[in-house]
Amino acid sequence: MDGALLAANAAQLRLLLTDGFIHPKEPKWIISITMVVASILAQCIILIILAYLARNNLANRAKKPYLDTMNNVVLILTGIIFCLNVITNVFVQIDFTNLIENTASNLPTFEWPTTNPS
């Protein structure tokens, strides 16, 4: 699931950096870019922490409080990522008319052959 979320954030970032956004360089655009990048960074931090947690043994009583704290950090970061992605989806607006016009002009035209029933 984290891979799908990371791919979705990468797609949103690509959309924001290309001409899919209504008015680039507006405050909404800057906020959206910042939140998508923050979400991607938080996902990478979670990946590193989870890799560290997977390598350590919870049976070691000396490390258990530290590992529990790291587990709680992962839980908090996951909640932050959820909130960031919900808010980002509110801010991201696509100008579909511009995209449809650009796509329609690039499509090849096809004419059906006519048959004369004579």
Protein backbone atom coordinates (compact mmCIF):
# COMPACT_ATOMS: atom_id res chain seq x y z
CA MET A 1 0.00 0.00 0.00
CA ASP A 2 2.88 2.37 0.70
CA GLY A 3 4.17 1.78 -2.81
CA ALA A 4 0.82 2.76 -4.31
CA LEU A 5 0.67 5.91 -2.17
CA LEU A 6 4.22 6.83 -3.15
CA ALA A 7 3.35 6.32 -6.83
CA ALA A 8 0.21 8.44 -6.45
CA ASN A 9 2.21 11.23 -4.80
CA ALA A 10 4.80 11.06 -7.56
CA ALA A 11 2.02 11.35 -10.14
CA GLN A 12 0.56 14.35 -8.30
CA LEU A 13 3.97 15.98 -8.17
CA ARG A 14 4.46 15.40 -11.89
CA LEU A 15 1.02 16.88 -12.57
CA LEU A 16 1.80 19.92 -10.47
CA LEU A 17 5.13 20.47 -12.18
CA THR A 18 3.65 20.20 -15.68
CA ASP A 19 0.90 22.30 -17.22
CA GLY A 20 -1.99 20.44 -15.56
CA PHE A 21 -2.41 23.01 -12.82
CA ILE A 22 -4.75 25.95 -13.48
CA HIS A 23 -2.45 28.82 -12.51
CA PRO A 24 1.11 27.79 -11.67
CA LYS A 25 3.09 29.81 -9.13
CA GLU A 26 -0.02 30.76 -7.15
CA PRO A 27 0.04 30.25 -3.38
CA LYS A 28 -2.18 27.17 -3.80
CA TRP A 29 0.37 25.72 -6.21
CA ILE A 30 3.24 26.32 -3.78
CA ILE A 31 1.25 24.83 -0.88
CA SER A 32 0.35 21.78 -2.96
CA ILE A 33 3.97 21.21 -4.05
CA THR A 34 5.16 21.59 -0.45
CA MET A 35 2.59 19.14 0.89
CA VAL A 36 3.27 16.50 -1.76
CA VAL A 37 7.03 16.74 -1.17
CA ALA A 38 6.47 16.57 2.62
CA SER A 39 4.34 13.46 2.14
CA ILE A 40 7.00 11.79 -0.01
CA LEU A 41 9.71 12.64 2.52
CA ALA A 42 7.61 11.31 5.40
CA GLN A 43 7.03 8.08 3.48
CA CYS A 44 10.79 7.70 2.96
CA ILE A 45 11.40 8.29 6.69
CA ILE A 46 8.80 5.65 7.54
CA LEU A 47 10.50 3.22 5.16
CA ILE A 48 13.84 3.75 6.92
CA ILE A 49 12.33 3.37 10.40
CA LEU A 50 10.42 0.23 9.42
CA ALA A 51 13.58 -1.28 7.95
CA TYR A 52 15.34 -0.54 11.24
CA LEU A 53 12.48 -2.04 13.27
CA ALA A 54 12.47 -5.17 11.11
CA ARG A 55 16.18 -5.77 11.78
CA ASN A 56 15.88 -5.52 15.56
CA ASN A 57 14.53 -8.10 17.93
CA LEU A 58 11.70 -7.10 20.27
CA ALA A 59 12.77 -9.84 22.70
CA ASN A 60 15.76 -7.69 23.71
CA ARG A 61 14.39 -5.96 26.80
CA ALA A 62 17.00 -3.20 26.70
CA LYS A 63 15.87 -1.99 23.26
CA LYS A 64 12.14 -2.54 23.75
CA PRO A 65 11.26 1.00 24.99
CA TYR A 66 13.24 2.56 22.13
CA LEU A 67 11.63 0.27 19.54
CA ASP A 68 8.18 1.01 20.98
CA THR A 69 8.90 4.73 20.64
CA MET A 70 10.00 4.25 17.02
CA ASN A 71 6.82 2.28 16.35
CA ASN A 72 4.77 5.17 17.76
CA VAL A 73 6.71 7.62 15.54
CA VAL A 74 5.77 5.52 12.50
CA LEU A 75 2.12 5.59 13.59
CA ILE A 76 2.16 9.37 14.01
CA LEU A 77 3.90 9.89 10.65
CA THR A 78 1.30 7.67 8.98
CA GLY A 79 -1.47 9.88 10.37
CA ILE A 80 0.37 13.00 9.18
CA ILE A 81 0.76 11.51 5.69
CA PHE A 82 -2.96 10.72 5.62
CA CYS A 83 -3.85 14.31 6.53
CA LEU A 84 -1.34 15.75 4.05
CA ASN A 85 -2.76 13.68 1.20
CA VAL A 86 -6.38 14.59 2.00
CA ILE A 87 -5.55 18.30 2.15
CA THR A 88 -3.39 18.07 -0.99
CA ASN A 89 -6.27 16.56 -2.95
CA VAL A 90 -8.40 19.53 -1.93
CA PHE A 91 -5.80 22.01 -3.19
CA VAL A 92 -4.92 20.29 -6.47
CA GLN A 93 -7.18 21.48 -9.26
CA ILE A 94 -6.83 20.41 -12.85
CA ASP A 95 -7.98 22.52 -15.76
CA PHE A 96 -9.69 19.71 -17.66
CA THR A 97 -10.78 21.94 -20.53
CA ASN A 98 -7.18 22.82 -21.28
CA LEU A 99 -6.13 19.18 -21.06
CA ILE A 100 -9.02 17.99 -23.26
CA GLU A 101 -8.31 20.63 -25.91
CA ASN A 102 -4.61 19.74 -25.99
CA THR A 103 -5.35 16.02 -26.16
CA ALA A 104 -8.05 16.37 -28.81
CA SER A 105 -5.77 18.38 -31.08
CA ASN A 106 -3.06 15.70 -30.90
CA LEU A 107 -5.33 12.80 -31.81
CA PRO A 108 -5.19 11.52 -35.38
CA THR A 109 -8.33 11.86 -37.45
CA PHE A 110 -9.90 8.83 -39.05
CA GLU A 111 -12.41 8.85 -41.84
CA TRP A 112 -14.57 5.83 -42.44
CA PRO A 113 -14.37 4.50 -45.95
CA THR A 114 -17.53 4.97 -47.91
CA THR A 115 -18.91 2.28 -50.12
CA ASN A 116 -21.09 3.02 -53.09
CA PRO A 117 -23.92 0.48 -53.30
CA SER A 118 -24.26 0.92 -57.04
